[in-house]
Amino acid sequence: MTKRALLIAFHFPPQAASSGIQRTLSFSKHLGKFGWEPMVLSAHPRAYSQQNPSQLTSVPANLVVRRVFALDSKRHMGIKGRYLELLALPDRWISWWLGAVPAGLSLVKQYQPQVIWSTFPISTAHLIGLTLHRLTGLPWVADFRDPMLQRSYPSSTLQRKLYGWIERQTITRCSMAVFTTYSAMDAYRTRFPHLPASKFTVIENGYDEDGFDMSALPVPPTPQAATRRLTLLHSGVLYQTGRDPSAFLQALAMMKQSGRTDAARLRVVLRAPGEGAYVEALVHKYGVADIVEVAPPIPYREALHEMLAADGLIVFQGTPFNTQVPAKIYEYFRARKPIFGLVDSTGETARVMRDAGFHHQAAPENSEAIVSVLGQFIDLVAQGEAHIASDELVAGSSREHRAKQLATVLEQACGTQRAPAPALMR
């Protein structure tokens, strides 16, 4: 009998504001290799504030995808960006629940999946998973790309209470809870000590090999050794809290003033930082505009191409994100380039980097430490002696490998809950 899994995900092509689409998309592409036929229950594209229709070409042609009614309370039920909080509880896409539950029941009746999988963010996805689990009796795997309740999020008292309720219901009733980092899993085990440790597991993010097919893109020119200028790249969003580039840019200014580097020897690209004007202002404030380029967003495949062309890669991940690992770190591994980490040494990203052999790390707010470690890093990159990911690490970081891990979790979930099929499925 064909085994089927119903995947519930808000972030799915053509949504373009979150890299979270890659996790569900890759599972939907690769689960079939490991004995599971996926189908996806997602939101109507109108609910997405940003869309990238080109991502739709990555969706498997034979994949069942049901996109259902959903609105964004801020954009569709607000006035000049202001809206009633009651219309956005537990989140701005609660209306998705209204369309997703009947559509999910229809999918269960038509295709008779053996298991339900839902992924957070957003919280409504787990609310849909909870509802369908209660109505159908199917085992349920809850995926947490981020922890739901964090120290400063949600900030609204009412929203926080609802998040807490959904989180407790999810952790208690799901068959398996999956996290992207070990620190997040450990935190949940500590908070729910009455539940068996075997209920919690980790499937990290990864990279998709398909994205690294560069046959259709031009090969970047290789500079002559005599005119070699190293390029360091950070690809992705920066924030004023947790990923603030201020100390890094100050460190570059200090290195420039001391003669340790200059524009003839070093180029730094900050690709798609989000708050471009803020970052540009910092670049000019510290007088490093001749070294640092603040670059606009480019298509995903071109961004991967840029990683392959760079001499070294930079990751920002400060203390507020200590339980998270940015998905780009696995793409950095696949690019087989040296990696410089502006990270909290006690955070999960720092641990993942150290375990992979990348030890050039400095606290993102400490410009003096950055100067010291970055100088060493640049010297090793220039000499061709900087560490790069091993073949074993690259293979284990692929999203195909992650799909294999999920297939095992789905099997475990079905084994832990063998309830009789409800009338709906007969």
Protein backbone atom coordinates (compact mmCIF):
# COMPACT_ATOMS: atom_id res chain seq x y z
CA MET A 1 0.00 0.00 0.00
CA THR A 2 1.27 3.47 -0.87
CA LYS A 3 2.09 5.51 2.23
CA ARG A 4 0.90 9.10 2.08
CA ALA A 5 1.61 12.13 4.23
CA LEU A 6 -0.41 15.36 4.41
CA LEU A 7 1.99 18.30 4.77
CA ILE A 8 0.49 21.52 6.19
CA ALA A 9 2.62 24.57 5.48
CA PHE A 10 1.89 28.28 5.10
CA HIS A 11 5.32 28.99 3.61
CA PHE A 12 5.25 27.35 0.19
CA PRO A 13 5.85 28.68 -3.35
CA PRO A 14 5.09 31.31 -4.54
CA GLN A 15 5.57 32.83 -1.04
CA ALA A 16 8.83 34.79 -1.09
CA ALA A 17 9.30 36.44 2.30
CA SER A 18 10.67 33.42 4.16
CA SER A 19 13.36 30.85 3.43
CA GLY A 20 11.03 28.45 5.26
CA ILE A 21 9.51 27.51 1.91
CA GLN A 22 12.64 25.47 1.17
CA ARG A 23 12.03 22.99 4.02
CA THR A 24 8.53 21.96 2.96
CA LEU A 25 9.40 22.18 -0.73
CA SER A 26 12.39 19.88 -0.34
CA PHE A 27 10.42 17.36 1.72
CA SER A 28 7.72 17.32 -0.96
CA LYS A 29 10.38 16.70 -3.63
CA HIS A 30 12.36 13.99 -1.86
CA LEU A 31 10.00 12.01 0.39
CA GLY A 32 8.93 9.86 -2.56
CA LYS A 33 12.43 8.37 -2.73
CA PHE A 34 11.91 6.95 0.75
CA GLY A 35 8.48 5.38 0.38
CA TRP A 36 6.21 8.33 1.17
CA GLU A 37 3.89 10.16 -1.23
CA PRO A 38 3.39 13.74 0.05
CA MET A 39 0.55 16.15 -0.57
CA VAL A 40 0.58 19.79 0.51
CA LEU A 41 -2.13 21.89 2.14
CA SER A 42 -1.16 25.56 1.90
CA ALA A 43 -2.64 29.06 1.72
CA HIS A 44 -3.97 30.98 -1.26
CA PRO A 45 -1.21 33.23 -2.67
CA ARG A 46 -3.27 36.34 -1.85
CA ALA A 47 -2.17 35.82 1.76
CA TYR A 48 1.50 36.39 0.85
CA SER A 49 2.85 39.90 1.11
CA GLN A 50 5.70 38.94 -1.24
CA GLN A 51 5.54 36.45 -4.10
CA ASN A 52 8.09 34.91 -6.44
CA PRO A 53 6.22 32.99 -9.16
CA SER A 54 9.50 31.59 -10.51
CA GLN A 55 9.67 29.36 -7.41
CA LEU A 56 6.63 27.48 -8.72
CA THR A 57 8.85 25.75 -11.27
CA SER A 58 10.49 23.93 -8.34
CA VAL A 59 7.22 22.31 -7.26
CA PRO A 60 7.02 18.70 -8.56
CA ALA A 61 4.53 18.44 -11.41
CA ASN A 62 2.74 15.43 -9.91
CA LEU A 63 2.49 16.84 -6.38
CA VAL A 64 -1.03 17.35 -5.03
CA VAL A 65 -1.14 20.93 -3.73
CA ARG A 66 -4.34 22.36 -2.26
CA ARG A 67 -4.24 26.15 -1.79
CA VAL A 68 -7.19 27.37 0.23
CA PHE A 69 -8.84 30.56 1.40
CA ALA A 70 -6.62 32.75 3.53
CA LEU A 71 -6.32 36.47 4.23
CA ASP A 72 -3.70 38.64 5.90
CA SER A 73 -5.47 40.61 8.62
CA LYS A 74 -3.05 43.51 8.29
CA ARG A 75 -3.42 43.93 4.52
CA HIS A 76 -6.97 42.71 3.92
CA MET A 77 -8.81 43.70 7.09
CA GLY A 78 -6.83 46.71 8.25
CA ILE A 79 -6.86 50.40 7.49
CA LYS A 80 -3.49 51.94 6.67
CA GLY A 81 -1.75 48.99 8.27
CA ARG A 82 -3.77 49.16 11.51
CA TYR A 83 -6.11 46.31 12.42
CA LEU A 84 -7.96 44.85 15.40
CA GLU A 85 -5.84 42.41 17.39
CA LEU A 86 -8.84 40.08 17.68
CA LEU A 87 -8.69 39.62 13.89
CA ALA A 88 -5.09 38.43 14.13
CA LEU A 89 -5.12 35.83 16.91
CA PRO A 90 -3.10 33.75 17.16
CA ASP A 91 -1.60 35.37 14.04
CA ARG A 92 -2.55 37.48 11.04
CA TRP A 93 -3.44 34.41 8.97
CA ILE A 94 -5.99 32.78 11.28
CA SER A 95 -8.52 32.94 8.42
CA TRP A 96 -6.47 30.18 6.76
CA TRP A 97 -7.88 27.80 9.39
CA LEU A 98 -11.39 28.37 7.99
CA GLY A 99 -10.39 27.14 4.54
CA ALA A 100 -7.78 24.58 5.56
CA VAL A 101 -9.82 22.39 7.92
CA PRO A 102 -12.57 21.43 5.41
CA ALA A 103 -9.98 21.13 2.63
CA GLY A 104 -7.83 18.93 4.86
CA LEU A 105 -10.77 16.69 5.68
CA SER A 106 -11.48 16.39 1.96
CA LEU A 107 -7.87 15.42 1.26
CA VAL A 108 -7.93 12.84 4.04
CA LYS A 109 -11.12 11.30 2.68
CA GLN A 110 -9.88 11.26 -0.93
CA TYR A 111 -6.26 10.15 -0.45
CA GLN A 112 -6.33 8.49 3.00
CA PRO A 113 -2.90 9.60 4.23
CA GLN A 114 -1.32 7.68 7.10
CA VAL A 115 0.06 10.76 8.90
CA ILE A 116 -0.28 14.55 9.21
CA TRP A 117 2.73 16.89 9.33
CA SER A 118 2.54 20.62 10.08
CA THR A 119 5.29 23.21 10.37
CA PHE A 120 5.66 26.37 12.47
CA PRO A 121 5.94 29.31 11.73
CA ILE A 122 3.06 30.21 11.45
CA SER A 123 1.05 29.15 14.53
CA THR A 124 -2.15 28.66 12.52
CA ALA A 125 -0.43 25.75 10.74
CA HIS A 126 -0.18 23.82 14.02
CA LEU A 127 -3.75 24.83 14.89
CA ILE A 128 -4.87 23.26 11.60
CA GLY A 129 -2.76 20.18 12.31
CA LEU A 130 -4.27 19.91 15.80
CA THR A 131 -7.82 20.20 14.47
CA LEU A 132 -7.34 17.61 11.72
CA HIS A 133 -5.61 15.27 14.14
CA ARG A 134 -8.54 15.49 16.58
CA LEU A 135 -11.13 15.04 13.80
CA THR A 136 -9.45 12.15 11.97
CA GLY A 137 -7.44 10.34 14.64
CA LEU A 138 -4.40 10.34 12.34
CA PRO A 139 -0.93 10.49 13.92
CA TRP A 140 0.57 13.96 13.76
CA VAL A 141 4.17 15.13 13.43
CA ALA A 142 4.72 18.74 14.54
CA ASP A 143 7.69 20.53 13.01
CA PHE A 144 9.21 23.57 14.77
CA ARG A 145 11.52 25.58 12.53
CA ASP A 146 11.67 28.05 15.46
CA PRO A 147 10.53 27.77 19.08
CA MET A 148 6.97 29.07 19.43
CA LEU A 149 7.29 30.94 22.71
CA GLN A 150 10.44 33.01 22.95
CA ARG A 151 11.63 35.44 25.61
CA SER A 152 10.39 38.53 23.82
CA TYR A 153 7.94 37.04 21.32
CA PRO A 154 5.01 37.24 21.10
CA SER A 155 4.96 40.54 22.97
CA SER A 156 1.16 40.87 23.14
CA THR A 157 -0.21 39.32 26.35
CA LEU A 158 -3.27 37.84 24.66
CA GLN A 159 -1.32 36.54 21.69
CA ARG A 160 1.25 35.03 24.03
CA LYS A 161 -1.48 33.16 25.93
CA LEU A 162 -2.88 31.74 22.70
CA TYR A 163 0.58 30.76 21.49
CA GLY A 164 1.17 29.03 24.79
CA TRP A 165 -2.10 27.10 24.53
CA ILE A 166 -1.40 26.00 20.93
CA GLU A 167 2.14 25.03 21.88
CA ARG A 168 1.01 22.92 24.86
CA GLN A 169 -1.70 21.22 22.83
CA THR A 170 0.74 20.55 20.01
CA ILE A 171 3.53 19.12 22.15
CA THR A 172 1.11 17.04 24.21
CA ARG A 173 -1.01 15.60 21.40
CA CYS A 174 1.44 15.18 18.53
CA SER A 175 3.08 11.78 18.01
CA MET A 176 6.50 13.30 17.34
CA ALA A 177 7.90 16.83 17.75
CA VAL A 178 10.68 17.78 15.36
CA PHE A 179 13.11 20.68 15.82
CA THR A 180 15.82 22.16 13.62
CA THR A 181 18.37 22.56 16.44
CA TYR A 182 19.42 20.51 19.47
CA SER A 183 19.24 23.47 21.83
CA ALA A 184 15.59 24.07 20.87
CA MET A 185 14.80 20.39 21.39
CA ASP A 186 16.53 20.38 24.79
CA ALA A 187 14.61 23.48 25.83
CA TYR A 188 11.29 21.77 25.03
CA ARG A 189 12.32 18.59 26.81
CA THR A 190 13.07 20.68 29.88
CA ARG A 191 9.74 22.50 29.68
CA PHE A 192 7.77 19.26 29.20
CA PRO A 193 9.60 16.81 31.46
CA HIS A 194 6.55 14.55 31.85
CA LEU A 195 6.72 13.55 28.17
CA PRO A 196 9.08 10.80 26.98
CA ALA A 197 12.37 12.05 25.54
CA SER A 198 11.84 9.77 22.53
CA LYS A 199 8.97 12.01 21.42
CA PHE A 200 11.44 14.79 20.57
CA THR A 201 13.92 14.68 17.69
CA VAL A 202 15.97 16.94 15.43
CA ILE A 203 15.98 17.28 11.66
CA GLU A 204 18.24 20.19 10.80
CA ASN A 205 17.77 22.42 7.80
CA GLY A 206 19.91 21.74 4.74
CA TYR A 207 20.70 22.63 1.17
CA ASP A 208 19.03 21.45 -2.02
CA GLU A 209 21.43 20.08 -4.59
CA ASP A 210 19.10 21.11 -7.43
CA GLY A 211 19.78 24.74 -6.61
CA PHE A 212 23.47 24.26 -7.25
CA ASP A 213 23.02 23.23 -10.87
CA MET A 214 24.84 26.17 -12.44
CA SER A 215 24.95 24.87 -16.02
CA ALA A 216 22.67 27.65 -17.25
CA LEU A 217 24.64 30.44 -15.57
CA PRO A 218 27.88 32.01 -16.81
CA VAL A 219 31.11 30.99 -15.12
CA PRO A 220 32.54 33.99 -13.20
CA PRO A 221 36.00 35.13 -14.30
CA THR A 222 38.95 34.14 -12.12
CA PRO A 223 41.17 37.12 -11.25
CA GLN A 224 44.87 36.91 -12.05
CA ALA A 225 47.03 36.15 -9.02
CA ALA A 226 48.85 39.48 -9.31
CA THR A 227 45.60 41.41 -9.01
CA ARG A 228 43.89 39.07 -6.55
CA ARG A 229 41.19 40.78 -4.50
CA LEU A 230 39.41 38.59 -1.99
CA THR A 231 35.63 38.70 -1.89
CA LEU A 232 33.77 37.92 1.32
CA LEU A 233 30.00 37.53 1.07
CA HIS A 234 27.09 37.66 3.48
CA SER A 235 23.88 36.59 1.76
CA GLY A 236 20.65 37.41 3.57
CA VAL A 237 18.82 39.67 5.98
CA LEU A 238 20.54 41.69 8.71
CA TYR A 239 18.76 43.12 11.76
CA GLN A 240 19.54 45.88 14.21
CA THR A 241 19.13 43.29 16.97
CA GLY A 242 21.00 40.01 16.72
CA ARG A 243 22.47 40.58 13.26
CA ASP A 244 23.71 44.15 13.50
CA PRO A 245 26.74 44.72 11.21
CA SER A 246 27.90 47.84 13.09
CA ALA A 247 30.82 46.27 14.97
CA PHE A 248 31.88 44.33 11.88
CA LEU A 249 31.99 47.50 9.78
CA GLN A 250 33.84 49.29 12.56
CA ALA A 251 36.35 46.43 12.59
CA LEU A 252 36.88 46.83 8.84
CA ALA A 253 37.48 50.55 9.41
CA MET A 254 40.07 49.75 12.09
CA MET A 255 41.82 47.29 9.79
CA LYS A 256 41.80 49.81 6.98
CA GLN A 257 43.23 52.55 9.21
CA SER A 258 46.01 50.27 10.47
CA GLY A 259 46.92 49.15 6.96
CA ARG A 260 45.91 45.53 7.53
CA THR A 261 43.59 45.67 4.52
CA ASP A 262 42.28 48.05 1.86
CA ALA A 263 40.03 48.15 -1.19
CA ALA A 264 42.74 46.69 -3.42
CA ARG A 265 42.90 43.55 -1.29
CA LEU A 266 39.40 43.06 0.07
CA ARG A 267 35.82 43.35 -1.10
CA VAL A 268 32.86 42.62 1.18
CA VAL A 269 29.38 42.09 -0.28
CA LEU A 270 26.32 42.36 1.97
CA ARG A 271 23.67 40.86 -0.30
CA ALA A 272 19.97 41.60 0.36
CA PRO A 273 20.39 42.87 3.95
CA GLY A 274 16.75 43.96 4.18
CA GLU A 275 17.21 47.37 5.82
CA GLY A 276 19.41 48.57 2.98
CA ALA A 277 19.31 52.27 3.87
CA TYR A 278 20.31 51.54 7.47
CA VAL A 279 23.24 49.36 6.39
CA GLU A 280 24.32 51.87 3.73
CA ALA A 281 24.37 54.60 6.38
CA LEU A 282 26.61 52.46 8.59
CA VAL A 283 28.98 51.77 5.70
CA HIS A 284 29.43 55.49 5.11
CA LYS A 285 29.58 56.24 8.83
CA TYR A 286 32.63 54.00 9.22
CA GLY A 287 34.22 55.08 5.96
CA VAL A 288 34.40 51.65 4.31
CA ALA A 289 32.29 52.29 1.19
CA ASP A 290 35.33 51.47 -0.95
CA ILE A 291 35.45 47.98 0.59
CA VAL A 292 31.80 47.16 1.36
CA GLU A 293 29.06 46.84 -1.23
CA VAL A 294 25.44 46.76 -0.08
CA ALA A 295 23.75 44.77 -2.83
CA PRO A 296 20.05 44.25 -3.72
CA PRO A 297 18.23 40.89 -3.70
CA ILE A 298 18.77 38.53 -6.63
CA PRO A 299 17.01 35.27 -7.61
CA TYR A 300 17.75 32.28 -5.38
CA ARG A 301 19.84 30.35 -7.89
CA GLU A 302 21.92 33.43 -8.67
CA ALA A 303 22.49 33.92 -4.94
CA LEU A 304 23.87 30.37 -4.73
CA HIS A 305 26.04 31.09 -7.77
CA GLU A 306 27.42 34.12 -5.97
CA MET A 307 28.33 31.94 -2.98
CA LEU A 308 30.28 29.63 -5.26
CA ALA A 309 32.15 32.58 -6.76
CA ALA A 310 33.11 34.15 -3.41
CA ASP A 311 36.41 33.48 -1.63
CA GLY A 312 34.82 33.33 1.81
CA LEU A 313 31.37 33.49 3.39
CA ILE A 314 30.11 35.36 6.45
CA VAL A 315 27.31 34.43 8.82
CA PHE A 316 25.73 36.79 11.40
CA GLN A 317 23.83 35.13 14.26
CA GLY A 318 23.87 36.92 17.61
CA THR A 319 22.54 36.09 21.06
CA PRO A 320 18.79 36.61 20.33
CA PHE A 321 19.02 33.74 17.83
CA ASN A 322 21.02 31.33 19.98
CA THR A 323 18.52 28.48 19.57
CA GLN A 324 18.36 28.88 15.78
CA VAL A 325 20.65 28.06 12.89
CA PRO A 326 20.17 30.03 9.65
CA ALA A 327 19.37 27.77 6.71
CA LYS A 328 22.10 29.46 4.70
CA ILE A 329 24.81 27.80 6.81
CA TYR A 330 24.11 24.48 5.06
CA GLU A 331 24.26 26.16 1.67
CA TYR A 332 27.58 27.62 2.81
CA PHE A 333 28.77 24.08 3.59
CA ARG A 334 27.72 22.92 0.10
CA ALA A 335 29.53 25.84 -1.50
CA ARG A 336 32.72 24.43 0.06
CA LYS A 337 34.00 27.85 0.99
CA PRO A 338 35.73 29.13 4.16
CA ILE A 339 33.21 30.52 6.66
CA PHE A 340 33.67 33.38 9.14
CA GLY A 341 31.15 33.45 11.97
CA LEU A 342 29.92 36.57 13.76
CA VAL A 343 28.16 34.51 16.38
CA ASP A 344 27.56 34.09 20.10
CA SER A 345 29.97 31.34 21.14
CA THR A 346 27.27 29.73 23.30
CA GLY A 347 24.69 29.63 20.50
CA GLU A 348 23.60 26.80 18.26
CA THR A 349 25.11 28.30 15.11
CA ALA A 350 28.52 28.53 16.77
CA ARG A 351 28.23 24.88 17.85
CA VAL A 352 27.25 23.69 14.38
CA MET A 353 30.17 25.59 12.88
CA ARG A 354 32.66 24.23 15.41
CA ASP A 355 31.42 20.67 14.91
CA ALA A 356 31.98 21.18 11.18
CA GLY A 357 35.53 22.46 11.75
CA PHE A 358 34.91 26.18 11.29
CA HIS A 359 36.60 27.87 14.24
CA HIS A 360 37.02 31.44 12.98
CA GLN A 361 34.34 33.05 15.11
CA ALA A 362 33.94 36.35 16.96
CA ALA A 363 31.18 37.97 18.99
CA PRO A 364 29.20 40.16 16.54
CA GLU A 365 29.28 43.18 18.90
CA ASN A 366 33.03 43.06 19.69
CA SER A 367 34.95 45.00 17.04
CA GLU A 368 38.38 44.34 18.62
CA ALA A 369 37.79 40.57 18.61
CA ILE A 370 36.51 40.77 15.04
CA VAL A 371 39.70 42.54 13.93
CA SER A 372 41.87 39.79 15.41
CA VAL A 373 39.94 36.78 14.11
CA LEU A 374 39.03 38.31 10.75
CA GLY A 375 42.67 39.16 10.08
CA GLN A 376 43.65 35.52 10.65
CA PHE A 377 40.76 34.32 8.51
CA ILE A 378 41.65 36.59 5.58
CA ASP A 379 45.30 35.50 5.69
CA LEU A 380 44.34 31.81 5.53
CA VAL A 381 41.85 32.42 2.71
CA ALA A 382 44.50 34.31 0.72
CA GLN A 383 46.96 31.45 1.25
CA GLY A 384 44.40 28.82 0.22
CA GLU A 385 44.68 27.16 3.65
CA ALA A 386 41.30 28.04 5.21
CA HIS A 387 39.06 25.16 6.26
CA ILE A 388 36.19 24.06 3.98
CA ALA A 389 33.43 21.49 4.50
CA SER A 390 34.28 17.81 4.13
CA ASP A 391 32.51 15.56 1.62
CA GLU A 392 30.89 13.72 4.53
CA LEU A 393 29.52 16.97 5.99
CA VAL A 394 28.19 18.10 2.63
CA ALA A 395 26.42 14.79 2.00
CA GLY A 396 24.87 14.78 5.48
CA SER A 397 23.65 18.37 5.09
CA SER A 398 21.60 17.80 1.93
CA ARG A 399 17.84 18.22 2.04
CA GLU A 400 17.50 14.80 0.43
CA HIS A 401 19.20 13.35 3.51
CA ARG A 402 16.85 15.39 5.72
CA ALA A 403 13.87 13.92 3.83
CA LYS A 404 15.20 10.45 4.59
CA GLN A 405 15.30 11.41 8.26
CA LEU A 406 11.71 12.68 8.06
CA ALA A 407 10.58 9.42 6.43
CA THR A 408 11.94 7.59 9.47
CA VAL A 409 10.10 9.98 11.81
CA LEU A 410 6.84 9.46 9.90
CA GLU A 411 7.26 5.71 10.30
CA GLN A 412 7.87 6.16 14.02
CA ALA A 413 4.79 8.37 14.35
CA CYS A 414 2.60 5.78 12.66
CA GLY A 415 4.03 3.14 14.96
CA THR A 416 3.21 5.11 18.10
CA GLN A 417 -0.45 5.64 17.21
CA ARG A 418 -2.46 2.81 15.73
CA ALA A 419 -5.96 4.12 16.39
CA PRO A 420 -8.87 2.66 14.37
CA ALA A 421 -9.67 4.62 11.22
CA PRO A 422 -12.45 7.15 11.87
CA ALA A 423 -15.69 7.00 9.94
CA LEU A 424 -14.45 9.82 7.72
CA MET A 425 -11.79 7.57 6.23
CA ARG A 426 -13.82 4.40 5.75
